[in-house]
Amino acid sequence: MASKSPAVSRHAFASTLQTFTTRSGKSGQFHSLPALARQFPSIHRLPVSIRIVLESVLRNCDGVKVTPEHVEQLANWQPVAERKDEIPFIVSRVVLQDFTGVPLLADLAAMRSVAQRLGKKPKKIEPLVP
């Protein structure tokens, strides 16, 4: 039985990965938008909300669910351009004004109800974050 070596996947924007060290000596990594701006210079002109989504898309760019094209589309976002493609947004943290989460649960229930009325599977509306 031959052993399989795992395929090494390289992040399409590996040059944006930077390392930092905390005061306690722990280190971490993040994908830097200023580093991405070397390739897409107009990033600094994007609204903050779009930059937040761009950072998420960049961080989660796996070539399958989130592709390099998604990063490029969002990095080149124009306020009055035609909207024809969706950008996948993978939420890693959610800040709610209501700390009980009740509004979020109500929104999920409403979305599932609409999905069911449209003949779709309500369980496709899934709040789990990998």
Protein backbone atom coordinates (compact mmCIF):
# COMPACT_ATOMS: atom_id res chain seq x y z
CA MET A 1 0.00 0.00 0.00
CA ALA A 2 1.58 3.25 -1.13
CA SER A 3 1.56 6.14 1.27
CA LYS A 4 -0.07 9.30 0.12
CA SER A 5 1.66 12.55 0.82
CA PRO A 6 -0.77 15.36 1.57
CA ALA A 7 -0.93 18.07 -1.03
CA VAL A 8 0.57 21.28 0.20
CA SER A 9 -1.80 24.09 -0.61
CA ARG A 10 -0.38 27.56 -0.90
CA HIS A 11 -2.56 30.52 -0.09
CA ALA A 12 -3.04 32.61 -3.23
CA PHE A 13 -2.10 35.72 -1.25
CA ALA A 14 0.59 34.18 0.98
CA SER A 15 2.61 37.39 0.72
CA THR A 16 -0.02 39.15 2.84
CA LEU A 17 0.50 36.80 5.82
CA GLN A 18 2.30 38.59 8.62
CA THR A 19 3.35 37.56 12.11
CA PHE A 20 3.03 39.49 15.34
CA THR A 21 4.10 38.89 18.93
CA THR A 22 2.04 39.86 21.96
CA ARG A 23 3.48 41.33 25.13
CA SER A 24 3.21 37.93 26.76
CA GLY A 25 5.44 36.47 24.05
CA LYS A 26 2.77 34.57 22.16
CA SER A 27 2.81 34.90 18.40
CA GLY A 28 0.03 34.97 15.86
CA GLN A 29 -0.53 35.58 12.20
CA PHE A 30 -2.88 37.73 10.15
CA HIS A 31 -3.44 38.66 6.53
CA SER A 32 -2.54 42.32 6.07
CA LEU A 33 -4.70 44.59 3.93
CA PRO A 34 -1.80 47.07 3.54
CA ALA A 35 0.24 44.17 2.12
CA LEU A 36 -2.64 43.32 -0.24
CA ALA A 37 -2.74 46.99 -1.28
CA ARG A 38 0.64 46.50 -2.99
CA GLN A 39 -1.29 44.43 -5.54
CA PHE A 40 -4.57 46.40 -5.33
CA PRO A 41 -3.64 50.04 -4.56
CA SER A 42 -7.20 51.34 -4.24
CA ILE A 43 -7.93 49.28 -1.10
CA HIS A 44 -7.23 52.28 1.13
CA ARG A 45 -10.17 54.09 -0.52
CA LEU A 46 -12.71 51.36 0.26
CA PRO A 47 -15.35 51.99 2.93
CA VAL A 48 -14.51 50.40 6.29
CA SER A 49 -17.41 47.95 5.98
CA ILE A 50 -16.06 46.66 2.65
CA ARG A 51 -12.55 46.39 4.09
CA ILE A 52 -13.92 44.24 6.94
CA VAL A 53 -15.52 41.89 4.41
CA LEU A 54 -12.33 41.96 2.29
CA GLU A 55 -10.22 40.95 5.28
CA SER A 56 -12.53 37.99 5.91
CA VAL A 57 -12.49 36.95 2.26
CA LEU A 58 -8.69 37.25 2.16
CA ARG A 59 -8.25 35.27 5.39
CA ASN A 60 -10.59 32.51 4.20
CA CYS A 61 -9.35 32.30 0.61
CA ASP A 62 -9.01 28.55 0.14
CA GLY A 63 -9.38 28.35 -3.64
CA VAL A 64 -12.67 26.45 -3.31
CA LYS A 65 -15.30 28.17 -1.19
CA VAL A 66 -13.50 31.51 -1.40
CA THR A 67 -11.37 31.99 -4.51
CA PRO A 68 -8.65 34.47 -5.44
CA GLU A 69 -11.18 35.96 -7.88
CA HIS A 70 -13.48 36.77 -4.94
CA VAL A 71 -10.61 38.65 -3.26
CA GLU A 72 -9.85 40.50 -6.48
CA GLN A 73 -13.51 41.41 -7.08
CA LEU A 74 -13.85 42.88 -3.61
CA ALA A 75 -10.44 44.61 -3.68
CA ASN A 76 -11.58 46.35 -6.87
CA TRP A 77 -15.06 47.22 -5.50
CA GLN A 78 -16.65 50.30 -7.02
CA PRO A 79 -19.63 52.04 -5.37
CA VAL A 80 -21.70 52.41 -8.55
CA ALA A 81 -20.67 49.25 -10.40
CA GLU A 82 -23.24 46.67 -11.49
CA ARG A 83 -23.65 43.88 -8.91
CA LYS A 84 -23.70 40.50 -10.62
CA ASP A 85 -21.62 38.22 -8.38
CA GLU A 86 -21.95 37.27 -4.75
CA ILE A 87 -18.95 37.35 -2.46
CA PRO A 88 -18.80 34.57 0.14
CA PHE A 89 -18.52 35.98 3.64
CA ILE A 90 -17.42 33.64 6.40
CA VAL A 91 -18.14 35.18 9.76
CA SER A 92 -15.60 34.47 12.47
CA ARG A 93 -16.99 36.74 15.13
CA VAL A 94 -20.29 38.48 15.53
CA VAL A 95 -20.85 41.57 17.63
CA LEU A 96 -24.45 42.16 18.56
CA GLN A 97 -25.88 45.12 20.38
CA ASP A 98 -28.23 42.73 22.16
CA PHE A 99 -26.03 40.30 24.07
CA THR A 100 -28.86 37.79 24.52
CA GLY A 101 -28.77 36.83 20.85
CA VAL A 102 -32.58 36.96 20.61
CA PRO A 103 -32.57 39.22 17.52
CA LEU A 104 -30.19 36.82 15.79
CA LEU A 105 -32.41 33.83 16.58
CA ALA A 106 -35.48 35.71 15.36
CA ASP A 107 -33.69 36.54 12.09
CA LEU A 108 -32.66 32.89 11.61
CA ALA A 109 -36.23 31.72 12.24
CA ALA A 110 -37.58 34.27 9.76
CA MET A 111 -35.05 33.26 7.09
CA ARG A 112 -35.85 29.57 7.59
CA SER A 113 -39.58 30.33 7.32
CA VAL A 114 -39.08 32.17 4.03
CA ALA A 115 -36.86 29.37 2.71
CA GLN A 116 -39.57 26.82 3.51
CA ARG A 117 -42.25 28.94 1.79
CA LEU A 118 -40.03 29.09 -1.30
CA GLY A 119 -39.70 25.30 -1.34
CA LYS A 120 -36.10 25.32 -0.14
CA LYS A 121 -34.59 23.34 2.73
CA PRO A 122 -34.85 25.47 5.90
CA LYS A 123 -31.85 23.70 7.45
CA LYS A 124 -29.64 25.25 4.75
CA ILE A 125 -29.89 28.44 6.83
CA GLU A 126 -27.13 27.44 9.24
CA PRO A 127 -25.48 29.78 11.73
CA LEU A 128 -22.53 27.49 12.50
CA VAL A 129 -19.12 28.99 11.85
CA PRO A 130 -16.26 26.57 11.12
